[in-house]
């Protein structure tokens, strides 16, 4: 097991990362790079290039022995450092041990139903999270994993068994290299595996024109999910709010209309998916 893991941020009360109030923990590091990624600063670890230091208005970021050191007490959360970073990272990360995270979560356990690990891609930290989940179970909390579906299931069997439910992003079933910069194609296989084990809470697809065959993806996923009436299929209309300039330029002609997403949702329902939600 990893002794420590790099955490980008922790949201103590989130109601969008699974059922009920949850502690959402965002791990640093991802194995893909989506065109529309809204957590771009979680993709890679800081390389200590020091470029973010001059622009910090509060002096929360300093250089110590050639490395970036972050003082969260001084941070105003203006995000200037994240905007400056050219390496899809952030200086505002922190290393936690399992014990430190459990202590943090324990302070909120009477106010939340569970925890959700996200990222980045949390399955990259499978051993660490497996141990974390074992400890969190003793607190009486549910344990969710928010994943992009690109993992080697044989390498994370212990994590799968320890997880109560997965929230799976199916980015697409085609054009994945164009959309996410990956040649991996086993996301559907992994989804089916988790469904067979009754480990899926919801599946999500961000609807993005030009970078994916929308109908092929939605119809393929819907054909799988129709056999699992309790699983939510969430269709998310891509948006450019908060994205980097270069991302907005790439997406400017790829944002579908709300009506288009509604039409796609109706098609998904017609295929037989019982629980369909839209974020427009």
Protein backbone atom coordinates (compact mmCIF):
# COMPACT_ATOMS: atom_id res chain seq x y z
CA UNK A 1 0.00 0.00 0.00
CA UNK A 2 1.10 3.57 -0.68
CA UNK A 3 2.14 5.23 2.60
CA UNK A 4 0.70 8.52 1.42
CA UNK A 5 -1.36 9.81 -1.48
CA UNK A 6 -1.45 13.25 -3.09
CA UNK A 7 -4.87 14.88 -2.69
CA UNK A 8 -5.92 17.83 -4.82
CA UNK A 9 -8.81 18.91 -2.60
CA UNK A 10 -11.46 17.67 -0.19
CA UNK A 11 -15.05 18.86 -0.20
CA UNK A 12 -16.51 18.05 3.24
CA UNK A 13 -20.15 18.42 2.18
CA UNK A 14 -20.96 17.50 -1.43
CA UNK A 15 -24.42 16.58 -2.70
CA UNK A 16 -23.38 15.91 -6.32
CA UNK A 17 -20.97 13.02 -5.74
CA UNK A 18 -23.42 10.29 -4.90
CA UNK A 19 -26.50 10.00 -2.67
CA UNK A 20 -26.87 12.38 0.25
CA UNK A 21 -24.21 14.59 1.77
CA UNK A 22 -20.77 13.12 1.18
CA UNK A 23 -17.12 13.85 1.81
CA UNK A 24 -15.64 14.07 -1.70
CA UNK A 25 -11.90 13.43 -1.97
CA UNK A 26 -10.15 14.36 -5.22
CA UNK A 27 -6.94 12.41 -5.83
CA UNK A 28 -4.16 13.84 -7.99
CA UNK A 29 -3.30 12.07 -11.23
CA UNK A 30 -5.29 10.87 -14.24
CA UNK A 31 -4.68 8.39 -17.05
CA UNK A 32 -6.62 10.33 -19.71
CA UNK A 33 -6.97 13.97 -20.77
CA UNK A 34 -10.47 14.89 -21.94
CA UNK A 35 -11.07 17.89 -24.17
CA UNK A 36 -13.73 19.21 -21.78
CA UNK A 37 -12.03 18.30 -18.48
CA UNK A 38 -13.16 20.63 -15.69
CA UNK A 39 -10.59 19.26 -13.24
CA UNK A 40 -7.61 19.84 -15.51
CA UNK A 41 -5.39 20.69 -12.55
CA UNK A 42 -5.76 17.13 -11.23
CA UNK A 43 -4.20 15.34 -14.23
CA UNK A 44 -0.50 15.44 -13.31
CA UNK A 45 1.67 15.97 -10.26
CA UNK A 46 3.48 19.27 -9.74
CA UNK A 47 6.96 19.35 -11.33
CA UNK A 48 8.05 22.37 -9.25
CA UNK A 49 8.72 24.60 -12.25
CA UNK A 50 8.00 27.61 -9.94
CA UNK A 51 6.03 29.47 -12.65
CA UNK A 52 3.00 29.87 -10.35
CA UNK A 53 4.86 31.72 -7.59
CA UNK A 54 5.11 35.28 -9.04
CA UNK A 55 1.38 35.53 -9.74
CA UNK A 56 0.15 34.51 -6.29
CA UNK A 57 -1.45 37.67 -4.83
CA UNK A 58 -1.32 36.54 -1.19
CA UNK A 59 2.10 34.90 -1.03
CA UNK A 60 0.54 31.51 -0.33
CA UNK A 61 2.99 29.85 -2.74
CA UNK A 62 6.70 30.05 -2.01
CA UNK A 63 9.94 28.43 -3.09
CA UNK A 64 11.82 26.37 -0.52
CA UNK A 65 14.95 24.52 -1.66
CA UNK A 66 13.85 24.65 -5.27
CA UNK A 67 10.37 23.31 -4.61
CA UNK A 68 6.92 24.86 -4.43
CA UNK A 69 5.53 25.06 -0.90
CA UNK A 70 1.88 25.94 -0.35
CA UNK A 71 0.41 27.64 2.73
CA UNK A 72 -3.33 27.00 2.67
CA UNK A 73 -3.92 29.54 5.46
CA UNK A 74 -2.81 32.37 3.14
CA UNK A 75 -4.67 31.12 0.05
CA UNK A 76 -7.57 33.23 -1.23
CA UNK A 77 -8.59 30.51 -3.75
CA UNK A 78 -8.33 32.93 -6.67
CA UNK A 79 -7.07 30.02 -8.83
CA UNK A 80 -4.41 32.17 -10.46
CA UNK A 81 -1.83 29.43 -9.87
CA UNK A 82 -4.00 26.86 -11.64
CA UNK A 83 -4.54 29.22 -14.58
CA UNK A 84 -0.79 29.78 -14.80
CA UNK A 85 0.22 26.12 -14.67
CA UNK A 86 1.05 24.68 -18.11
CA UNK A 87 1.42 21.11 -16.83
CA UNK A 88 -2.18 20.27 -15.89
CA UNK A 89 -1.28 20.36 -12.22
CA UNK A 90 -1.61 22.49 -9.10
CA UNK A 91 0.69 23.64 -6.30
CA UNK A 92 -2.24 23.41 -3.90
CA UNK A 93 -2.02 19.67 -3.29
CA UNK A 94 -1.33 17.91 -0.02
CA UNK A 95 -0.08 14.47 0.95
CA UNK A 96 -2.25 12.48 3.32
CA UNK A 97 -1.78 9.15 5.02
CA UNK A 98 -4.76 6.84 5.48
CA UNK A 99 -4.78 7.70 9.17
CA UNK A 100 -4.90 11.44 8.46
CA UNK A 101 -7.80 11.06 6.03
CA UNK A 102 -9.75 8.84 8.41
CA UNK A 103 -9.29 11.41 11.15
CA UNK A 104 -10.56 14.15 8.83
CA UNK A 105 -13.59 12.09 7.72
CA UNK A 106 -14.39 11.11 11.29
CA UNK A 107 -14.93 14.79 12.09
CA UNK A 108 -17.83 14.93 9.61
CA UNK A 109 -19.32 11.45 9.96
CA UNK A 110 -22.45 12.56 11.81
CA UNK A 111 -23.30 14.96 8.96
CA UNK A 112 -22.68 12.75 5.90
CA UNK A 113 -23.86 9.42 4.48
CA UNK A 114 -20.55 8.42 3.02
CA UNK A 115 -17.42 9.33 1.13
CA UNK A 116 -16.69 9.46 -2.60
CA UNK A 117 -13.19 9.29 -4.04
CA UNK A 118 -12.73 11.10 -7.32
CA UNK A 119 -9.96 12.87 -9.19
CA UNK A 120 -8.18 12.70 -11.46
CA UNK A 121 -8.64 8.93 -11.57
CA UNK A 122 -8.83 7.35 -8.11
CA UNK A 123 -8.23 3.77 -9.28
CA UNK A 124 -4.60 4.80 -9.85
CA UNK A 125 -4.39 4.78 -6.04
CA UNK A 126 -6.22 1.47 -5.60
CA UNK A 127 -4.12 0.05 -2.75
CA UNK A 128 -4.28 3.26 -0.73
CA UNK A 129 -8.03 3.64 -1.22
CA UNK A 130 -8.69 -0.01 -0.40
CA UNK A 131 -7.11 0.50 3.00
CA UNK A 132 -8.94 3.81 3.42
CA UNK A 133 -12.28 2.14 2.62
CA UNK A 134 -11.65 -0.62 5.15
CA UNK A 135 -11.14 2.01 7.82
CA UNK A 136 -14.10 4.15 6.71
CA UNK A 137 -16.42 1.13 6.87
CA UNK A 138 -15.89 1.07 10.64
CA UNK A 139 -17.31 4.61 10.76
CA UNK A 140 -20.60 3.36 9.30
CA UNK A 141 -20.25 5.32 6.04
CA UNK A 142 -20.81 4.18 2.46
CA UNK A 143 -17.84 4.19 0.08
CA UNK A 144 -18.16 5.28 -3.56
CA UNK A 145 -15.61 5.49 -6.38
CA UNK A 146 -16.03 7.99 -9.23
CA UNK A 147 -14.09 6.52 -12.17
CA UNK A 148 -13.55 7.05 -15.89
CA UNK A 149 -13.74 3.29 -16.35
CA UNK A 150 -10.21 2.90 -17.70
CA UNK A 151 -8.60 0.50 -15.25
CA UNK A 152 -7.24 -3.04 -15.24
CA UNK A 153 -9.84 -4.83 -13.16
CA UNK A 154 -7.43 -7.66 -12.33
CA UNK A 155 -5.19 -5.13 -10.57
CA UNK A 156 -7.91 -3.56 -8.42
CA UNK A 157 -9.96 -6.58 -7.34
CA UNK A 158 -9.51 -5.74 -3.66
CA UNK A 159 -10.74 -2.18 -4.22
CA UNK A 160 -13.76 -3.41 -6.19
CA UNK A 161 -14.74 -5.77 -3.39
CA UNK A 162 -14.32 -3.06 -0.75
CA UNK A 163 -16.32 -0.44 -2.71
CA UNK A 164 -20.05 -0.13 -2.15
CA UNK A 165 -20.83 1.53 -5.48
CA UNK A 166 -19.07 2.97 -8.51
CA UNK A 167 -20.06 6.04 -10.49
CA UNK A 168 -18.78 5.39 -14.01
CA UNK A 169 -18.10 7.96 -16.70
CA UNK A 170 -18.44 6.38 -20.11
CA UNK A 171 -16.76 9.09 -22.15
CA UNK A 172 -17.54 7.45 -25.48
CA UNK A 173 -17.37 4.13 -27.29
CA UNK A 174 -15.49 5.55 -30.27
CA UNK A 175 -13.08 8.40 -31.11
CA UNK A 176 -11.57 8.07 -27.63
CA UNK A 177 -8.15 9.21 -28.76
CA UNK A 178 -9.65 12.41 -30.17
CA UNK A 179 -11.85 13.02 -27.12
CA UNK A 180 -9.64 11.83 -24.26
CA UNK A 181 -6.17 11.29 -25.67
CA UNK A 182 -6.24 7.56 -24.94
CA UNK A 183 -6.09 4.36 -26.97
CA UNK A 184 -7.63 2.32 -24.14
CA UNK A 185 -10.90 0.70 -25.14
CA UNK A 186 -11.94 -1.49 -22.21
CA UNK A 187 -14.27 0.97 -20.48
CA UNK A 188 -17.42 -0.86 -21.60
CA UNK A 189 -15.97 -4.21 -20.55
CA UNK A 190 -15.27 -2.79 -17.10
CA UNK A 191 -18.75 -1.29 -16.87
CA UNK A 192 -20.34 -4.65 -17.65
CA UNK A 193 -18.15 -6.33 -15.04
CA UNK A 194 -19.15 -3.85 -12.33
CA UNK A 195 -22.82 -4.12 -13.28
CA UNK A 196 -22.71 -7.91 -12.98
CA UNK A 197 -21.30 -7.49 -9.47
CA UNK A 198 -24.07 -5.01 -8.54
CA UNK A 199 -21.47 -2.33 -7.94
CA UNK A 200 -22.81 0.55 -10.07
CA UNK A 201 -24.81 3.49 -8.72
CA UNK A 202 -24.85 5.63 -11.85
CA UNK A 203 -23.34 5.97 -15.31
CA UNK A 204 -22.64 9.34 -16.89
CA UNK A 205 -21.91 10.53 -20.42
CA UNK A 206 -20.97 14.08 -21.32
CA UNK A 207 -22.74 14.85 -24.60
CA UNK A 208 -20.21 16.49 -26.90
CA UNK A 209 -20.64 16.84 -30.63
CA UNK A 210 -17.72 16.43 -33.08
CA UNK A 211 -15.53 14.55 -30.59
CA UNK A 212 -17.73 11.46 -30.33
CA UNK A 213 -20.53 9.65 -32.10
CA UNK A 214 -23.22 10.68 -29.63
CA UNK A 215 -25.97 8.33 -30.80
CA UNK A 216 -23.67 5.33 -31.04
CA UNK A 217 -22.36 5.92 -27.53
CA UNK A 218 -25.71 6.58 -25.89
CA UNK A 219 -27.47 3.72 -27.67
CA UNK A 220 -24.66 1.29 -26.81
CA UNK A 221 -24.66 2.23 -23.13
CA UNK A 222 -28.46 2.26 -22.97
CA UNK A 223 -28.62 -1.24 -24.45
CA UNK A 224 -26.43 -2.42 -21.57
CA UNK A 225 -28.20 -0.49 -18.81
CA UNK A 226 -31.74 -1.50 -19.76
CA UNK A 227 -31.16 -4.77 -17.89
CA UNK A 228 -30.31 -2.83 -14.70
CA UNK A 229 -33.38 -0.73 -13.80
CA UNK A 230 -31.91 0.67 -10.57
CA UNK A 231 -28.87 2.23 -12.26
CA UNK A 232 -29.11 5.91 -13.18
CA UNK A 233 -27.96 7.05 -16.63
CA UNK A 234 -27.06 10.72 -16.48
CA UNK A 235 -26.65 12.73 -19.70
CA UNK A 236 -24.61 15.87 -19.21
CA UNK A 237 -24.60 18.67 -21.76
CA UNK A 238 -21.00 19.80 -22.14
CA UNK A 239 -20.32 23.40 -21.18
CA UNK A 240 -17.32 25.68 -21.39
CA UNK A 241 -17.74 27.62 -18.15
CA UNK A 242 -14.51 27.59 -16.19
CA UNK A 243 -12.47 25.93 -18.92
CA UNK A 244 -9.10 27.11 -20.22
CA UNK A 245 -8.99 29.33 -23.28
CA UNK A 246 -7.60 26.55 -25.47
CA UNK A 247 -10.33 24.18 -24.30
CA UNK A 248 -13.05 26.72 -25.10
CA UNK A 249 -11.63 27.16 -28.58
CA UNK A 250 -11.77 23.43 -29.21
CA UNK A 251 -15.34 23.15 -27.91
CA UNK A 252 -16.86 26.29 -29.41
CA UNK A 253 -18.71 24.37 -32.14
CA UNK A 254 -19.26 21.17 -30.18
CA UNK A 255 -21.77 22.21 -27.53
CA UNK A 256 -25.19 20.67 -28.29
CA UNK A 257 -28.47 22.42 -27.73
CA UNK A 258 -30.60 21.59 -24.71
CA UNK A 259 -33.25 20.27 -27.08
CA UNK A 260 -30.76 17.87 -28.65
CA UNK A 261 -29.88 16.42 -25.23
CA UNK A 262 -33.59 16.05 -24.44
CA UNK A 263 -34.07 14.17 -27.71
CA UNK A 264 -31.18 11.87 -26.86
CA UNK A 265 -32.66 11.26 -23.41
CA UNK A 266 -35.95 10.21 -24.98
CA UNK A 267 -34.12 7.77 -27.23
CA UNK A 268 -32.35 6.29 -24.22
CA UNK A 269 -35.69 5.86 -22.46
CA UNK A 270 -37.19 4.20 -25.54
CA UNK A 271 -34.36 1.65 -25.50
CA UNK A 272 -35.45 0.72 -21.99
CA UNK A 273 -33.38 2.61 -19.42
CA UNK A 274 -35.62 3.27 -16.43
CA UNK A 275 -33.73 6.07 -14.68
CA UNK A 276 -32.56 8.82 -17.02
CA UNK A 277 -31.41 12.21 -15.75
CA UNK A 278 -30.18 15.27 -17.62
CA UNK A 279 -27.88 18.10 -16.61
CA UNK A 280 -28.47 20.91 -19.08
